Amino acid sequence: MRIDLREIPVVWINLDSATKNAELMEFRFKKFAFKNTYRKPGVVIPPPPGTDKSIAHFRGCGTSHIQILQDKTYSTPLLILEDDVEFIENFNPVIDIPDDSDGVYLGISHGNVYYGSCQHNENYLRIAGILAAHAILYVTETYRKAMSDIGEYCLYTLNKPWDLGTAGIQKDFKVYTPNNPLIYQSDDRQSSNKWQGLTDRPLQNRNTIFA
C-alpha cells in the first residue's frame, strides 16, 4: 500500500512555549511540501503526586494524542507527530507499507528493552511492546479507536503514561515499523527529556512469534 504523507492529515503537538520547535516543524513541512498539516496546542495537566520528574508531562501529552485520535475532523490514514522530531536526512514522504497495516511507527523507541519484533518483509518489521508515540501513522479506524481507548484507560484509571497501554496492544494488531526509523526525537529540540539515543537507531529482529 502506497501512502503519500504529504497528502494525508498530519497533526503535530506543540506546547505554546515551544516556539523554536514550532518554527522548525513548519520549516520541515515546507521543505517536503506537506499539504495538510495542523498544529495541536499541547495540553498541560499536572501529574499525580509523586510522579517522577522525567514523565511529569505524561497526562498532558497523552491527552493531546487522544484528543486528536477522537477528532473526526481528521480522516484516516492519519499521522500524529510530536514537535521534538526530526526527519532522517534522506526522508521520502512517499512510503510503501504492508497492505494489512493497522498502524506504522515511523519512529520507534528502545525504551522497553523487552520489545518484540520479527521481519515481515525486506523493508518492515512487525512490532510489539514499543513505547513512545512521536511519529505514528494510523492506517485503520479500528486501530485508531483502540489506541484512544487504551490510552484513556491508562491515563485516567491506572494513572500511568498512555504509551504503556499502546505498547501492550500492538501485538493484537498488524503494527509495523521500517527497518530504519524515518523520524526520531532530536536532542536539539525544546523538550523535557532527551530521547535521541533511544529513537535514532534501528530495532533488532528478535524473531518474535505473533499469533
C-alpha atoms as a PDB file:
ATOM      1  CA  MET A   1       0.000   0.000   0.000  1.00  0.00           C
ATOM      2  CA  ARG A   2       1.489   3.323  -1.046  1.00  0.00           C
ATOM      3  CA  ILE A   3       0.848   6.379   1.123  1.00  0.00           C
ATOM      4  CA  ASP A   4       1.949   9.898   0.334  1.00  0.00           C
ATOM      5  CA  LEU A   5       2.381  11.537   3.715  1.00  0.00           C
ATOM      6  CA  ARG A   6       2.131  14.949   2.060  1.00  0.00           C
ATOM      7  CA  GLU A   7      -1.498  14.281   1.130  1.00  0.00           C
ATOM      8  CA  ILE A   8      -2.948  12.912   4.391  1.00  0.00           C
ATOM      9  CA  PRO A   9      -3.739  14.817   7.606  1.00  0.00           C
ATOM     10  CA  VAL A  10      -0.620  15.400   9.696  1.00  0.00           C
ATOM     11  CA  VAL A  11      -1.328  16.722  13.182  1.00  0.00           C
ATOM     12  CA  TRP A  12       1.570  17.866  15.320  1.00  0.00           C
ATOM     13  CA  ILE A  13       1.524  18.512  19.055  1.00  0.00           C
ATOM     14  CA  ASN A  14       3.266  21.668  20.210  1.00  0.00           C
ATOM     15  CA  LEU A  15       3.279  23.489  23.546  1.00  0.00           C
ATOM     16  CA  ASP A  16       2.692  27.225  23.240  1.00  0.00           C
ATOM     17  CA  SER A  17       6.014  27.818  24.973  1.00  0.00           C
ATOM     18  CA  ALA A  18       7.975  25.702  22.461  1.00  0.00           C
ATOM     19  CA  THR A  19       8.249  28.368  19.769  1.00  0.00           C
ATOM     20  CA  LYS A  20      11.575  27.094  18.411  1.00  0.00           C
ATOM     21  CA  ASN A  21      10.059  23.660  17.850  1.00  0.00           C
ATOM     22  CA  ALA A  22       7.109  25.204  16.016  1.00  0.00           C
ATOM     23  CA  GLU A  23       9.387  27.125  13.673  1.00  0.00           C
ATOM     24  CA  LEU A  24      11.427  24.024  12.878  1.00  0.00           C
ATOM     25  CA  MET A  25       8.324  21.901  12.278  1.00  0.00           C
ATOM     26  CA  GLU A  26       6.904  24.464   9.866  1.00  0.00           C
ATOM     27  CA  PHE A  27      10.256  24.609   8.081  1.00  0.00           C
ATOM     28  CA  ARG A  28      10.332  20.816   7.634  1.00  0.00           C
ATOM     29  CA  PHE A  29       6.773  20.695   6.345  1.00  0.00           C
ATOM     30  CA  LYS A  30       7.563  23.391   3.797  1.00  0.00           C
ATOM     31  CA  LYS A  31      10.780  21.648   2.765  1.00  0.00           C
ATOM     32  CA  PHE A  32       8.972  18.391   1.997  1.00  0.00           C
ATOM     33  CA  ALA A  33       5.834  20.070   0.582  1.00  0.00           C
ATOM     34  CA  PHE A  34       3.324  18.736   3.107  1.00  0.00           C
ATOM     35  CA  LYS A  35      -0.165  19.993   2.248  1.00  0.00           C
ATOM     36  CA  ASN A  36      -2.370  19.142   5.236  1.00  0.00           C
ATOM     37  CA  THR A  37      -0.588  19.935   8.487  1.00  0.00           C
ATOM     38  CA  TYR A  38      -2.367  21.038  11.634  1.00  0.00           C
ATOM     39  CA  ARG A  39      -0.864  22.309  14.864  1.00  0.00           C
ATOM     40  CA  LYS A  40      -2.411  20.884  18.033  1.00  0.00           C
ATOM     41  CA  PRO A  41      -1.633  23.064  21.079  1.00  0.00           C
ATOM     42  CA  GLY A  42      -0.185  20.746  23.685  1.00  0.00           C
ATOM     43  CA  VAL A  43      -2.355  20.157  26.740  1.00  0.00           C
ATOM     44  CA  VAL A  44      -0.806  20.811  30.150  1.00  0.00           C
ATOM     45  CA  ILE A  45      -2.218  18.721  33.026  1.00  0.00           C
ATOM     46  CA  PRO A  46      -0.472  18.321  36.403  1.00  0.00           C
ATOM     47  CA  PRO A  47       0.637  14.738  37.076  1.00  0.00           C
ATOM     48  CA  PRO A  48      -0.450  12.686  40.104  1.00  0.00           C
ATOM     49  CA  PRO A  49       1.533  13.384  43.295  1.00  0.00           C
ATOM     50  CA  GLY A  50       4.835  11.543  43.430  1.00  0.00           C
ATOM     51  CA  THR A  51       5.256  11.267  39.652  1.00  0.00           C
ATOM     52  CA  ASP A  52       8.878  11.089  38.541  1.00  0.00           C
ATOM     53  CA  LYS A  53      10.055  14.350  37.002  1.00  0.00           C
ATOM     54  CA  SER A  54      11.057  12.603  33.763  1.00  0.00           C
ATOM     55  CA  ILE A  55       7.408  11.758  32.998  1.00  0.00           C
ATOM     56  CA  ALA A  56       5.708  14.730  34.681  1.00  0.00           C
ATOM     57  CA  HIS A  57       4.166  15.700  31.339  1.00  0.00           C
ATOM     58  CA  PHE A  58       2.536  12.313  30.708  1.00  0.00           C
ATOM     59  CA  ARG A  59      -1.086  13.301  31.285  1.00  0.00           C
ATOM     60  CA  GLY A  60      -0.909  16.343  29.058  1.00  0.00           C
ATOM     61  CA  CYS A  61       0.971  14.517  26.328  1.00  0.00           C
ATOM     62  CA  GLY A  62      -1.341  11.518  26.348  1.00  0.00           C
ATOM     63  CA  THR A  63      -4.455  13.682  26.438  1.00  0.00           C
ATOM     64  CA  SER A  64      -3.204  15.659  23.436  1.00  0.00           C
ATOM     65  CA  HIS A  65      -2.799  12.465  21.420  1.00  0.00           C
ATOM     66  CA  ILE A  66      -6.184  11.101  22.466  1.00  0.00           C
ATOM     67  CA  GLN A  67      -7.981  14.334  21.580  1.00  0.00           C
ATOM     68  CA  ILE A  68      -6.545  14.134  18.066  1.00  0.00           C
ATOM     69  CA  LEU A  69      -7.471  10.473  17.694  1.00  0.00           C
ATOM     70  CA  GLN A  70     -11.059  11.231  18.721  1.00  0.00           C
ATOM     71  CA  ASP A  71     -11.383  14.250  16.444  1.00  0.00           C
ATOM     72  CA  LYS A  72     -13.232  13.065  13.350  1.00  0.00           C
ATOM     73  CA  THR A  73     -12.192  16.231  11.544  1.00  0.00           C
ATOM     74  CA  TYR A  74      -9.065  14.284  10.699  1.00  0.00           C
ATOM     75  CA  SER A  75      -9.609  11.347   8.367  1.00  0.00           C
ATOM     76  CA  THR A  76      -7.680   8.090   8.396  1.00  0.00           C
ATOM     77  CA  PRO A  77      -4.873   7.484   7.410  1.00  0.00           C
ATOM     78  CA  LEU A  78      -3.639   9.998   9.961  1.00  0.00           C
ATOM     79  CA  LEU A  79      -0.104  10.866  11.019  1.00  0.00           C
ATOM     80  CA  ILE A  80       0.434  12.294  14.509  1.00  0.00           C
ATOM     81  CA  LEU A  81       3.795  13.853  15.341  1.00  0.00           C
ATOM     82  CA  GLU A  82       5.315  15.375  18.444  1.00  0.00           C
ATOM     83  CA  ASP A  83       7.213  18.609  17.978  1.00  0.00           C
ATOM     84  CA  ASP A  84      10.625  17.342  19.084  1.00  0.00           C
ATOM     85  CA  VAL A  85      11.009  15.178  15.997  1.00  0.00           C
ATOM     86  CA  GLU A  86      13.472  15.315  13.140  1.00  0.00           C
ATOM     87  CA  PHE A  87      13.225  13.607   9.761  1.00  0.00           C
ATOM     88  CA  ILE A  88      16.154  11.492   8.621  1.00  0.00           C
ATOM     89  CA  GLU A  89      18.467  13.082   6.072  1.00  0.00           C
ATOM     90  CA  ASN A  90      17.148  11.149   3.053  1.00  0.00           C
ATOM     91  CA  PHE A  91      13.498  11.285   4.156  1.00  0.00           C
ATOM     92  CA  ASN A  92      10.977  10.370   1.459  1.00  0.00           C
ATOM     93  CA  PRO A  93       7.337  11.280   2.218  1.00  0.00           C
ATOM     94  CA  VAL A  94       6.027   8.617  -0.164  1.00  0.00           C
ATOM     95  CA  ILE A  95       6.141   5.254   1.588  1.00  0.00           C
ATOM     96  CA  ASP A  96       5.107   1.709   0.713  1.00  0.00           C
ATOM     97  CA  ILE A  97       3.707  -0.024   3.776  1.00  0.00           C
ATOM     98  CA  PRO A  98       2.423  -3.598   4.210  1.00  0.00           C
ATOM     99  CA  ASP A  99      -1.070  -3.948   2.753  1.00  0.00           C
ATOM    100  CA  ASP A 100      -2.530  -5.290   6.008  1.00  0.00           C
ATOM    101  CA  SER A 101      -1.162  -2.484   8.194  1.00  0.00           C
ATOM    102  CA  ASP A 102      -3.264  -1.191  11.062  1.00  0.00           C
ATOM    103  CA  GLY A 103      -0.556   1.216  12.095  1.00  0.00           C
ATOM    104  CA  VAL A 104       3.038   2.103  11.295  1.00  0.00           C
ATOM    105  CA  TYR A 105       5.556   3.511  13.751  1.00  0.00           C
ATOM    106  CA  LEU A 106       7.626   5.829  11.568  1.00  0.00           C
ATOM    107  CA  GLY A 107       9.662   6.422  14.712  1.00  0.00           C
ATOM    108  CA  ILE A 108      10.426   3.924  17.457  1.00  0.00           C
ATOM    109  CA  SER A 109      12.000   3.750  20.906  1.00  0.00           C
ATOM    110  CA  HIS A 110      14.324   1.369  22.695  1.00  0.00           C
ATOM    111  CA  GLY A 111      12.751   2.440  25.987  1.00  0.00           C
ATOM    112  CA  ASN A 112      11.330  -1.039  26.561  1.00  0.00           C
ATOM    113  CA  VAL A 113      14.209  -3.500  26.355  1.00  0.00           C
ATOM    114  CA  TYR A 114      11.718  -6.384  26.159  1.00  0.00           C
ATOM    115  CA  TYR A 115      10.059  -5.318  22.908  1.00  0.00           C
ATOM    116  CA  GLY A 116       9.062  -7.919  20.335  1.00  0.00           C
ATOM    117  CA  SER A 117       9.826  -7.842  16.620  1.00  0.00           C
ATOM    118  CA  CYS A 118      10.035 -10.039  13.557  1.00  0.00           C
ATOM    119  CA  GLN A 119      10.950  -9.375   9.950  1.00  0.00           C
ATOM    120  CA  HIS A 120       7.771  -9.015   7.898  1.00  0.00           C
ATOM    121  CA  ASN A 121       9.390  -8.278   4.541  1.00  0.00           C
ATOM    122  CA  GLU A 122      12.626  -6.796   3.297  1.00  0.00           C
ATOM    123  CA  ASN A 123      11.660  -3.309   4.461  1.00  0.00           C
ATOM    124  CA  TYR A 124       9.500  -3.708   7.556  1.00  0.00           C
ATOM    125  CA  LEU A 125       9.462  -5.308  10.991  1.00  0.00           C
ATOM    126  CA  ARG A 126       6.278  -6.244  12.791  1.00  0.00           C
ATOM    127  CA  ILE A 127       6.496  -4.910  16.347  1.00  0.00           C
ATOM    128  CA  ALA A 128       5.095  -5.268  19.860  1.00  0.00           C
ATOM    129  CA  GLY A 129       5.851  -3.537  23.134  1.00  0.00           C
ATOM    130  CA  ILE A 130       7.271  -0.371  21.585  1.00  0.00           C
ATOM    131  CA  LEU A 131       6.956   2.707  23.778  1.00  0.00           C
ATOM    132  CA  ALA A 132       6.826   6.359  22.676  1.00  0.00           C
ATOM    133  CA  ALA A 133       4.436   7.962  20.221  1.00  0.00           C
ATOM    134  CA  HIS A 134       6.380  10.687  18.452  1.00  0.00           C
ATOM    135  CA  ALA A 135       5.582   9.528  14.914  1.00  0.00           C
ATOM    136  CA  ILE A 136       2.680   7.105  14.490  1.00  0.00           C
ATOM    137  CA  LEU A 137       0.774   6.559  11.267  1.00  0.00           C
ATOM    138  CA  TYR A 138      -2.762   5.346  11.970  1.00  0.00           C
ATOM    139  CA  VAL A 139      -3.992   3.365   8.976  1.00  0.00           C
ATOM    140  CA  THR A 140      -7.278   1.804  10.134  1.00  0.00           C
ATOM    141  CA  GLU A 141     -10.151   3.214  12.162  1.00  0.00           C
ATOM    142  CA  THR A 142     -10.170   0.092  14.345  1.00  0.00           C
ATOM    143  CA  TYR A 143      -6.593   0.624  15.458  1.00  0.00           C
ATOM    144  CA  ARG A 144      -7.130   4.340  15.907  1.00  0.00           C
ATOM    145  CA  LYS A 145     -10.062   3.743  18.274  1.00  0.00           C
ATOM    146  CA  ALA A 146      -8.241   1.002  20.170  1.00  0.00           C
ATOM    147  CA  MET A 147      -5.294   3.308  20.781  1.00  0.00           C
ATOM    148  CA  SER A 148      -7.609   6.028  22.055  1.00  0.00           C
ATOM    149  CA  ASP A 149      -9.490   3.646  24.343  1.00  0.00           C
ATOM    150  CA  ILE A 150      -6.401   2.063  25.911  1.00  0.00           C
ATOM    151  CA  GLY A 151      -4.827   5.486  26.265  1.00  0.00           C
ATOM    152  CA  GLU A 152      -7.768   6.807  28.247  1.00  0.00           C
ATOM    153  CA  TYR A 153      -7.746   3.734  30.475  1.00  0.00           C
ATOM    154  CA  CYS A 154      -4.035   4.141  31.245  1.00  0.00           C
ATOM    155  CA  LEU A 155      -4.225   7.860  31.895  1.00  0.00           C
ATOM    156  CA  TYR A 156      -7.369   8.123  33.952  1.00  0.00           C
ATOM    157  CA  THR A 157      -7.895   4.703  35.525  1.00  0.00           C
ATOM    158  CA  LEU A 158      -4.346   3.480  36.059  1.00  0.00           C
ATOM    159  CA  ASN A 159      -2.742   6.945  36.312  1.00  0.00           C
ATOM    160  CA  LYS A 160       0.088   5.783  34.070  1.00  0.00           C
ATOM    161  CA  PRO A 161       1.579   7.053  30.785  1.00  0.00           C
ATOM    162  CA  TRP A 162      -0.635   6.201  27.852  1.00  0.00           C
ATOM    163  CA  ASP A 163       2.130   4.576  25.816  1.00  0.00           C
ATOM    164  CA  LEU A 164       2.346   1.730  28.345  1.00  0.00           C
ATOM    165  CA  GLY A 165      -1.090   0.728  27.119  1.00  0.00           C
ATOM    166  CA  THR A 166      -0.488   1.392  23.445  1.00  0.00           C
ATOM    167  CA  ALA A 167       2.669  -0.720  23.588  1.00  0.00           C
ATOM    168  CA  GLY A 168       0.653  -3.525  25.141  1.00  0.00           C
ATOM    169  CA  ILE A 169      -1.963  -3.755  22.356  1.00  0.00           C
ATOM    170  CA  GLN A 170       0.431  -3.679  19.406  1.00  0.00           C
ATOM    171  CA  LYS A 171       0.608  -7.478  19.394  1.00  0.00           C
ATOM    172  CA  ASP A 172      -3.148  -7.615  18.757  1.00  0.00           C
ATOM    173  CA  PHE A 173      -2.898  -5.612  15.548  1.00  0.00           C
ATOM    174  CA  LYS A 174      -0.711  -5.506  12.462  1.00  0.00           C
ATOM    175  CA  VAL A 175       1.717  -2.808  13.510  1.00  0.00           C
ATOM    176  CA  TYR A 176       4.935  -2.297  11.586  1.00  0.00           C
ATOM    177  CA  THR A 177       7.995  -0.114  11.508  1.00  0.00           C
ATOM    178  CA  PRO A 178      10.593   0.493   8.770  1.00  0.00           C
ATOM    179  CA  ASN A 179      13.888  -1.320   9.211  1.00  0.00           C
ATOM    180  CA  ASN A 180      15.410   2.091   9.853  1.00  0.00           C
ATOM    181  CA  PRO A 181      13.399   4.808  11.631  1.00  0.00           C
ATOM    182  CA  LEU A 182      12.258   7.605   9.324  1.00  0.00           C
ATOM    183  CA  ILE A 183      11.686  10.034  12.184  1.00  0.00           C
ATOM    184  CA  TYR A 184      13.425  10.370  15.552  1.00  0.00           C
ATOM    185  CA  GLN A 185      13.310  12.613  18.604  1.00  0.00           C
ATOM    186  CA  SER A 186      16.047  15.209  18.355  1.00  0.00           C
ATOM    187  CA  ASP A 187      18.108  16.349  21.327  1.00  0.00           C
ATOM    188  CA  ASP A 188      18.250  19.780  19.662  1.00  0.00           C
ATOM    189  CA  ARG A 189      14.573  20.442  20.334  1.00  0.00           C
ATOM    190  CA  GLN A 190      12.882  22.055  23.319  1.00  0.00           C
ATOM    191  CA  SER A 191      11.730  19.091  25.410  1.00  0.00           C
ATOM    192  CA  SER A 192      11.578  17.772  28.962  1.00  0.00           C
ATOM    193  CA  ASN A 193      13.797  14.821  28.095  1.00  0.00           C
ATOM    194  CA  LYS A 194      16.444  13.992  25.527  1.00  0.00           C
ATOM    195  CA  TRP A 195      15.453  10.763  23.821  1.00  0.00           C
ATOM    196  CA  GLN A 196      17.537  10.817  20.637  1.00  0.00           C
ATOM    197  CA  GLY A 197      19.767   7.984  21.813  1.00  0.00           C
ATOM    198  CA  LEU A 198      16.696   5.764  22.202  1.00  0.00           C
ATOM    199  CA  THR A 199      14.981   6.732  18.952  1.00  0.00           C
ATOM    200  CA  ASP A 200      17.558   7.254  16.211  1.00  0.00           C
ATOM    201  CA  ARG A 201      18.744   3.650  15.771  1.00  0.00           C
ATOM    202  CA  PRO A 202      17.013   0.597  14.318  1.00  0.00           C
ATOM    203  CA  LEU A 203      15.280  -2.135  16.245  1.00  0.00           C
ATOM    204  CA  GLN A 204      16.656  -5.664  16.119  1.00  0.00           C
ATOM    205  CA  ASN A 205      14.819  -8.560  14.552  1.00  0.00           C
ATOM    206  CA  ARG A 206      14.052 -10.752  17.566  1.00  0.00           C
ATOM    207  CA  ASN A 207      12.081 -13.327  15.596  1.00  0.00           C
ATOM    208  CA  THR A 208       9.070 -12.893  17.844  1.00  0.00           C
ATOM    209  CA  ILE A 209       6.230 -15.280  17.041  1.00  0.00           C
ATOM    210  CA  PHE A 210       2.919 -13.464  16.651  1.00  0.00           C
ATOM    211  CA  ALA A 211      -0.378 -15.300  16.958  1.00  0.00           C
END
